[in-house]
Amino acid sequence: MEKIMYGAVIEFLFLESVKSKQTHEQLLKVYKDSSPSLTTVYDWVAELKRGRTSLVDDPQKGRPKSASTPEIISKIPDEIVDSVHISHGTAHNILSEIKKIL
């Protein structure tokens, strides 16, 4: 079951004034091992008590896990050539060596 669906069940039971522990027990009874943990149920209920209405995750703050896109990667040699005044061939060789290390 998708995370959003669990959230919907938790929200429904929260609106029915079912306690978090009992909500978790009902989820376990129906969904068995695939049900969310008790901690997750407590987290959902806390969010609902704070007035959260969306079941979709908010965008994450901070630095993205990866910023490597084909467009960015294709610009790297030009950036290096422009900033250190070396040929495209030399930039390619340096990047190839770095890639081997990573």
Protein backbone atom coordinates (compact mmCIF):
# COMPACT_ATOMS: atom_id res chain seq x y z
CA MET A 1 0.00 0.00 0.00
CA GLU A 2 1.27 3.45 -0.81
CA LYS A 3 2.33 5.90 1.86
CA ILE A 4 -0.51 8.26 0.93
CA MET A 5 -3.07 5.52 1.44
CA TYR A 6 -1.74 4.76 4.93
CA GLY A 7 -1.95 8.48 5.64
CA ALA A 8 -5.58 8.52 4.54
CA VAL A 9 -6.43 5.62 6.87
CA ILE A 10 -4.57 7.28 9.75
CA GLU A 11 -6.34 10.59 9.04
CA PHE A 12 -9.75 8.88 8.96
CA LEU A 13 -9.15 7.12 12.28
CA PHE A 14 -7.76 10.35 13.77
CA LEU A 15 -10.95 12.17 12.77
CA GLU A 16 -12.91 9.32 14.38
CA SER A 17 -10.96 10.07 17.62
CA VAL A 18 -9.18 6.71 17.57
CA LYS A 19 -5.95 6.80 19.61
CA SER A 20 -2.60 6.38 17.84
CA LYS A 21 -1.87 3.02 19.48
CA GLN A 22 -5.27 1.62 18.45
CA THR A 23 -4.80 3.03 14.93
CA HIS A 24 -1.51 1.17 14.68
CA GLU A 25 -3.11 -2.03 15.96
CA GLN A 26 -5.86 -1.78 13.33
CA LEU A 27 -3.30 -1.18 10.58
CA LEU A 28 -1.34 -4.24 11.74
CA LYS A 29 -4.49 -6.33 11.77
CA VAL A 30 -5.37 -5.42 8.20
CA TYR A 31 -2.00 -4.80 6.48
CA LYS A 32 0.22 -7.04 8.61
CA ASP A 33 3.97 -6.60 7.96
CA SER A 34 3.47 -3.90 5.35
CA SER A 35 1.82 -1.49 7.80
CA PRO A 36 3.72 1.59 9.01
CA SER A 37 5.51 1.56 12.35
CA LEU A 38 3.97 2.93 15.53
CA THR A 39 6.42 5.84 15.35
CA THR A 40 5.17 6.67 11.85
CA VAL A 41 1.58 6.63 13.09
CA TYR A 42 2.54 8.98 15.95
CA ASP A 43 4.28 11.29 13.44
CA TRP A 44 1.22 11.37 11.15
CA VAL A 45 -1.11 12.07 14.08
CA ALA A 46 1.18 14.87 15.33
CA GLU A 47 1.08 16.45 11.86
CA LEU A 48 -2.72 16.16 11.77
CA LYS A 49 -2.99 17.77 15.21
CA ARG A 50 -0.89 20.67 13.89
CA GLY A 51 -3.47 21.15 11.16
CA ARG A 52 -1.84 19.39 8.24
CA THR A 53 -4.39 18.71 5.50
CA SER A 54 -2.23 17.34 2.68
CA LEU A 55 -1.24 13.69 2.53
CA VAL A 56 1.49 14.45 -0.01
CA ASP A 57 5.03 15.05 1.29
CA ASP A 58 6.17 18.66 1.36
CA PRO A 59 9.16 19.53 -0.82
CA GLN A 60 12.38 18.84 1.05
CA LYS A 61 14.54 21.77 2.09
CA GLY A 62 18.27 21.94 1.69
CA ARG A 63 20.69 20.85 -0.92
CA PRO A 64 19.48 18.30 -3.46
CA LYS A 65 21.01 14.82 -3.27
CA SER A 66 22.38 15.20 -6.77
CA ALA A 67 22.70 18.05 -9.18
CA SER A 68 24.20 16.03 -12.02
CA THR A 69 22.05 16.41 -15.05
CA PRO A 70 23.17 15.84 -18.64
CA GLU A 71 22.81 19.57 -19.26
CA ILE A 72 25.08 20.48 -16.34
CA ILE A 73 27.62 17.78 -17.15
CA SER A 74 27.86 18.97 -20.76
CA LYS A 75 28.74 22.50 -19.55
CA ILE A 76 31.59 21.43 -17.24
CA PRO A 77 34.37 21.27 -19.87
CA ASP A 78 33.48 24.75 -21.16
CA GLU A 79 33.50 26.15 -17.63
CA ILE A 80 36.91 24.65 -16.95
CA VAL A 81 38.34 25.85 -20.27
CA ASP A 82 37.04 29.37 -19.65
CA SER A 83 38.24 29.58 -16.07
CA VAL A 84 41.73 28.05 -16.33
CA HIS A 85 42.52 28.75 -19.98
CA ILE A 86 43.26 25.19 -21.10
CA SER A 87 42.25 23.37 -24.24
CA HIS A 88 39.14 21.22 -24.52
CA GLY A 89 41.38 18.18 -24.95
CA THR A 90 43.23 18.90 -21.70
CA ALA A 91 39.93 19.49 -19.88
CA HIS A 92 38.62 16.19 -21.23
CA ASN A 93 41.74 14.34 -20.05
CA ILE A 94 41.53 15.86 -16.56
CA LEU A 95 37.85 15.01 -16.22
CA SER A 96 38.50 11.46 -17.43
CA GLU A 97 41.14 11.03 -14.73
CA ILE A 98 38.81 12.44 -12.06
CA LYS A 99 36.04 10.10 -13.22
CA LYS A 100 38.38 7.11 -12.74
CA ILE A 101 39.02 8.18 -9.13
CA LEU A 102 35.34 8.59 -8.33
